[in-house]
Amino acid sequence: MIRILYKPFGLLVGALGGVAAGAVFKRLWALLGHQDNAPTATDPDRSWTEVLTAAALQGAVFALVKAVVDRSGAAGTRRLTGTWPG
């Protein structure tokens, strides 16, 4: 029963985590001395190295934030209900 109730909460928290991850990546990219906007794969003015570096960094940030959000949500659910939702 907890899994069913946890699903909508997990989706909402996951979406908010995605927004947070995007903001963290944008800030990190700027702090690393690059332009304000990270390159896209089809940007003709950026090198392969810059595009692939941005993609790898973005993937790492999103994976880290997702793990933090998912784990925190599950731990919070266990604190409230006594049951691990996963």
N, C-alpha and C. Protein backbone atom coordinates (compact mmCIF):
# COMPACT_ATOMS: atom_id res chain seq x y z
N MET A 1 0.82 -1.20 0.00
CA MET A 1 0.00 0.00 0.00
C MET A 1 0.86 1.26 0.00
N ILE A 2 1.97 1.20 0.73
CA ILE A 2 2.86 2.37 0.79
C ILE A 2 3.43 2.67 -0.59
N ARG A 3 3.75 1.64 -1.37
CA ARG A 3 4.29 1.86 -2.72
C ARG A 3 3.31 2.63 -3.58
N ILE A 4 2.04 2.30 -3.49
CA ILE A 4 1.02 2.98 -4.30
C ILE A 4 0.90 4.44 -3.88
N LEU A 5 0.91 4.69 -2.60
CA LEU A 5 0.82 6.07 -2.11
C LEU A 5 2.10 6.85 -2.37
N TYR A 6 3.22 6.16 -2.40
CA TYR A 6 4.51 6.82 -2.61
C TYR A 6 4.71 7.26 -4.06
N LYS A 7 4.11 6.54 -5.01
CA LYS A 7 4.31 6.82 -6.44
C LYS A 7 4.08 8.29 -6.81
N PRO A 8 2.90 8.88 -6.52
CA PRO A 8 2.67 10.28 -6.90
C PRO A 8 3.65 11.23 -6.21
N PHE A 9 3.96 10.95 -4.95
CA PHE A 9 4.93 11.77 -4.22
C PHE A 9 6.30 11.68 -4.88
N GLY A 10 6.71 10.48 -5.24
CA GLY A 10 7.99 10.27 -5.89
C GLY A 10 8.08 10.98 -7.24
N LEU A 11 7.00 10.97 -7.99
CA LEU A 11 6.98 11.65 -9.29
C LEU A 11 7.13 13.16 -9.12
N LEU A 12 6.41 13.71 -8.16
CA LEU A 12 6.49 15.16 -7.91
C LEU A 12 7.88 15.56 -7.45
N VAL A 13 8.41 14.83 -6.50
CA VAL A 13 9.74 15.14 -5.99
C VAL A 13 10.80 14.94 -7.08
N GLY A 14 10.61 13.93 -7.92
CA GLY A 14 11.53 13.70 -9.02
C GLY A 14 11.54 14.85 -10.03
N ALA A 15 10.36 15.39 -10.31
CA ALA A 15 10.28 16.53 -11.23
C ALA A 15 10.97 17.76 -10.64
N LEU A 16 10.75 17.98 -9.37
CA LEU A 16 11.42 19.11 -8.71
C LEU A 16 12.92 18.90 -8.67
N GLY A 17 13.34 17.65 -8.50
CA GLY A 17 14.76 17.33 -8.54
C GLY A 17 15.37 17.62 -9.90
N GLY A 18 14.62 17.34 -10.97
CA GLY A 18 15.10 17.64 -12.31
C GLY A 18 15.31 19.13 -12.53
N VAL A 19 14.39 19.93 -12.01
CA VAL A 19 14.53 21.39 -12.10
C VAL A 19 15.77 21.85 -11.32
N ALA A 20 15.93 21.29 -10.12
CA ALA A 20 17.09 21.64 -9.30
C ALA A 20 18.39 21.22 -9.98
N ALA A 21 18.41 20.04 -10.58
CA ALA A 21 19.61 19.55 -11.26
C ALA A 21 19.97 20.46 -12.43
N GLY A 22 18.97 20.92 -13.16
CA GLY A 22 19.23 21.84 -14.27
C GLY A 22 19.86 23.13 -13.79
N ALA A 23 19.37 23.65 -12.67
CA ALA A 23 19.93 24.88 -12.11
C ALA A 23 21.36 24.66 -11.61
N VAL A 24 21.59 23.52 -10.97
CA VAL A 24 22.94 23.21 -10.47
C VAL A 24 23.91 23.09 -11.63
N PHE A 25 23.51 22.39 -12.69
CA PHE A 25 24.39 22.23 -13.84
C PHE A 25 24.70 23.57 -14.48
N LYS A 26 23.70 24.40 -14.67
CA LYS A 26 23.91 25.71 -15.30
C LYS A 26 24.89 26.54 -14.48
N ARG A 27 24.72 26.53 -13.18
CA ARG A 27 25.61 27.29 -12.29
C ARG A 27 27.03 26.72 -12.33
N LEU A 28 27.15 25.40 -12.30
CA LEU A 28 28.45 24.75 -12.33
C LEU A 28 29.16 25.03 -13.65
N TRP A 29 28.44 24.99 -14.75
CA TRP A 29 29.02 25.27 -16.06
C TRP A 29 29.58 26.69 -16.11
N ALA A 30 28.84 27.64 -15.56
CA ALA A 30 29.30 29.03 -15.53
C ALA A 30 30.51 29.18 -14.61
N LEU A 31 30.51 28.48 -13.47
CA LEU A 31 31.62 28.57 -12.53
C LEU A 31 32.91 27.99 -13.10
N LEU A 32 32.77 27.02 -13.99
CA LEU A 32 33.95 26.41 -14.61
C LEU A 32 34.56 27.31 -15.67
N GLY A 33 34.01 28.49 -15.85
CA GLY A 33 34.59 29.46 -16.76
C GLY A 33 34.10 29.40 -18.18
N HIS A 34 33.03 28.65 -18.40
CA HIS A 34 32.47 28.56 -19.74
C HIS A 34 31.40 29.62 -19.92
N GLN A 35 30.87 29.69 -21.11
CA GLN A 35 29.80 30.65 -21.37
C GLN A 35 28.59 30.30 -20.52
N ASP A 36 27.65 31.23 -20.45
CA ASP A 36 26.47 31.02 -19.62
C ASP A 36 25.67 29.79 -20.04
N ASN A 37 25.55 29.56 -21.33
CA ASN A 37 24.77 28.42 -21.82
C ASN A 37 25.68 27.29 -22.25
N ALA A 38 25.34 26.10 -21.81
CA ALA A 38 26.11 24.92 -22.22
C ALA A 38 25.81 24.64 -23.70
N PRO A 39 26.78 24.08 -24.39
CA PRO A 39 26.56 23.79 -25.81
C PRO A 39 25.58 22.63 -26.01
N THR A 40 24.88 22.68 -27.11
CA THR A 40 24.03 21.56 -27.50
C THR A 40 24.81 20.72 -28.52
N ALA A 41 24.34 19.53 -28.75
CA ALA A 41 25.03 18.62 -29.67
C ALA A 41 25.06 19.16 -31.10
N THR A 42 24.12 20.01 -31.45
CA THR A 42 24.05 20.52 -32.82
C THR A 42 24.59 21.94 -32.96
N ASP A 43 25.26 22.44 -31.96
CA ASP A 43 25.83 23.80 -32.01
C ASP A 43 27.08 23.78 -32.89
N PRO A 44 27.04 24.44 -34.05
CA PRO A 44 28.18 24.36 -34.97
C PRO A 44 29.40 25.15 -34.51
N ASP A 45 29.22 26.04 -33.55
CA ASP A 45 30.32 26.90 -33.11
C ASP A 45 31.10 26.32 -31.94
N ARG A 46 30.72 25.13 -31.48
CA ARG A 46 31.39 24.52 -30.33
C ARG A 46 32.15 23.27 -30.78
N SER A 47 33.23 22.98 -30.09
CA SER A 47 34.05 21.81 -30.45
C SER A 47 33.44 20.53 -29.89
N TRP A 48 33.91 19.41 -30.44
CA TRP A 48 33.47 18.10 -29.94
C TRP A 48 33.80 17.98 -28.45
N THR A 49 34.99 18.41 -28.09
CA THR A 49 35.42 18.30 -26.69
C THR A 49 34.49 19.06 -25.76
N GLU A 50 34.14 20.27 -26.13
CA GLU A 50 33.27 21.08 -25.28
C GLU A 50 31.86 20.48 -25.18
N VAL A 51 31.34 20.02 -26.30
CA VAL A 51 30.00 19.42 -26.30
C VAL A 51 29.97 18.15 -25.46
N LEU A 52 30.97 17.28 -25.64
CA LEU A 52 30.99 16.02 -24.89
C LEU A 52 31.27 16.24 -23.41
N THR A 53 32.11 17.21 -23.09
CA THR A 53 32.37 17.54 -21.69
C THR A 53 31.10 18.04 -21.01
N ALA A 54 30.38 18.92 -21.68
CA ALA A 54 29.13 19.44 -21.13
C ALA A 54 28.11 18.32 -20.93
N ALA A 55 28.02 17.42 -21.89
CA ALA A 55 27.06 16.31 -21.79
C ALA A 55 27.41 15.38 -20.63
N ALA A 56 28.68 15.08 -20.47
CA ALA A 56 29.11 14.19 -19.38
C ALA A 56 28.87 14.84 -18.02
N LEU A 57 29.19 16.11 -17.91
CA LEU A 57 28.97 16.82 -16.65
C LEU A 57 27.49 16.91 -16.32
N GLN A 58 26.69 17.22 -17.33
CA GLN A 58 25.25 17.30 -17.11
C GLN A 58 24.68 15.96 -16.67
N GLY A 59 25.11 14.89 -17.30
CA GLY A 59 24.65 13.56 -16.90
C GLY A 59 25.04 13.21 -15.48
N ALA A 60 26.26 13.55 -15.09
CA ALA A 60 26.72 13.28 -13.73
C ALA A 60 25.92 14.07 -12.71
N VAL A 61 25.66 15.34 -12.99
CA VAL A 61 24.89 16.18 -12.07
C VAL A 61 23.47 15.64 -11.93
N PHE A 62 22.84 15.31 -13.04
CA PHE A 62 21.46 14.80 -12.99
C PHE A 62 21.40 13.47 -12.23
N ALA A 63 22.36 12.58 -12.45
CA ALA A 63 22.36 11.30 -11.75
C ALA A 63 22.56 11.49 -10.25
N LEU A 64 23.45 12.39 -9.87
CA LEU A 64 23.70 12.66 -8.46
C LEU A 64 22.47 13.25 -7.77
N VAL A 65 21.87 14.25 -8.40
CA VAL A 65 20.68 14.87 -7.81
C VAL A 65 19.53 13.86 -7.74
N LYS A 66 19.36 13.04 -8.76
CA LYS A 66 18.30 12.03 -8.74
C LYS A 66 18.50 11.05 -7.59
N ALA A 67 19.73 10.61 -7.38
CA ALA A 67 20.02 9.69 -6.29
C ALA A 67 19.73 10.33 -4.94
N VAL A 68 20.12 11.57 -4.77
CA VAL A 68 19.87 12.28 -3.51
C VAL A 68 18.38 12.43 -3.26
N VAL A 69 17.65 12.83 -4.28
CA VAL A 69 16.20 13.05 -4.14
C VAL A 69 15.48 11.73 -3.87
N ASP A 70 15.78 10.70 -4.65
CA ASP A 70 15.13 9.40 -4.46
C ASP A 70 15.42 8.82 -3.08
N ARG A 71 16.68 8.86 -2.68
CA ARG A 71 17.06 8.30 -1.39
C ARG A 71 16.44 9.10 -0.24
N SER A 72 16.42 10.41 -0.35
CA SER A 72 15.82 11.24 0.70
C SER A 72 14.32 11.00 0.82
N GLY A 73 13.66 10.87 -0.32
CA GLY A 73 12.23 10.61 -0.30
C GLY A 73 11.90 9.27 0.33
N ALA A 74 12.68 8.25 0.00
CA ALA A 74 12.45 6.92 0.58
C ALA A 74 12.74 6.93 2.08
N ALA A 75 13.81 7.59 2.48
CA ALA A 75 14.16 7.66 3.90
C ALA A 75 13.09 8.43 4.68
N GLY A 76 12.60 9.52 4.09
CA GLY A 76 11.53 10.28 4.74
C GLY A 76 10.25 9.48 4.88
N THR A 77 9.94 8.70 3.85
CA THR A 77 8.75 7.85 3.91
C THR A 77 8.91 6.80 5.01
N ARG A 78 10.10 6.24 5.12
CA ARG A 78 10.31 5.24 6.17
C ARG A 78 10.18 5.88 7.56
N ARG A 79 10.68 7.11 7.71
CA ARG A 79 10.55 7.79 9.00
C ARG A 79 9.09 8.03 9.37
N LEU A 80 8.29 8.39 8.35
CA LEU A 80 6.87 8.68 8.60
C LEU A 80 6.02 7.43 8.79
N THR A 81 6.32 6.40 8.02
CA THR A 81 5.43 5.22 8.01
C THR A 81 6.04 3.98 8.65
N GLY A 82 7.37 3.96 8.76
CA GLY A 82 8.03 2.77 9.28
C GLY A 82 8.30 1.73 8.21
N THR A 83 7.96 2.04 6.95
CA THR A 83 8.12 1.09 5.84
C THR A 83 8.94 1.74 4.72
N TRP A 84 9.89 0.99 4.19
CA TRP A 84 10.68 1.47 3.04
C TRP A 84 9.81 1.32 1.79
N PRO A 85 9.66 2.38 0.98
CA PRO A 85 8.71 2.33 -0.14
C PRO A 85 9.18 1.51 -1.33
N GLY A 86 10.45 1.21 -1.47
CA GLY A 86 10.95 0.54 -2.66
C GLY A 86 10.94 -0.92 -2.52
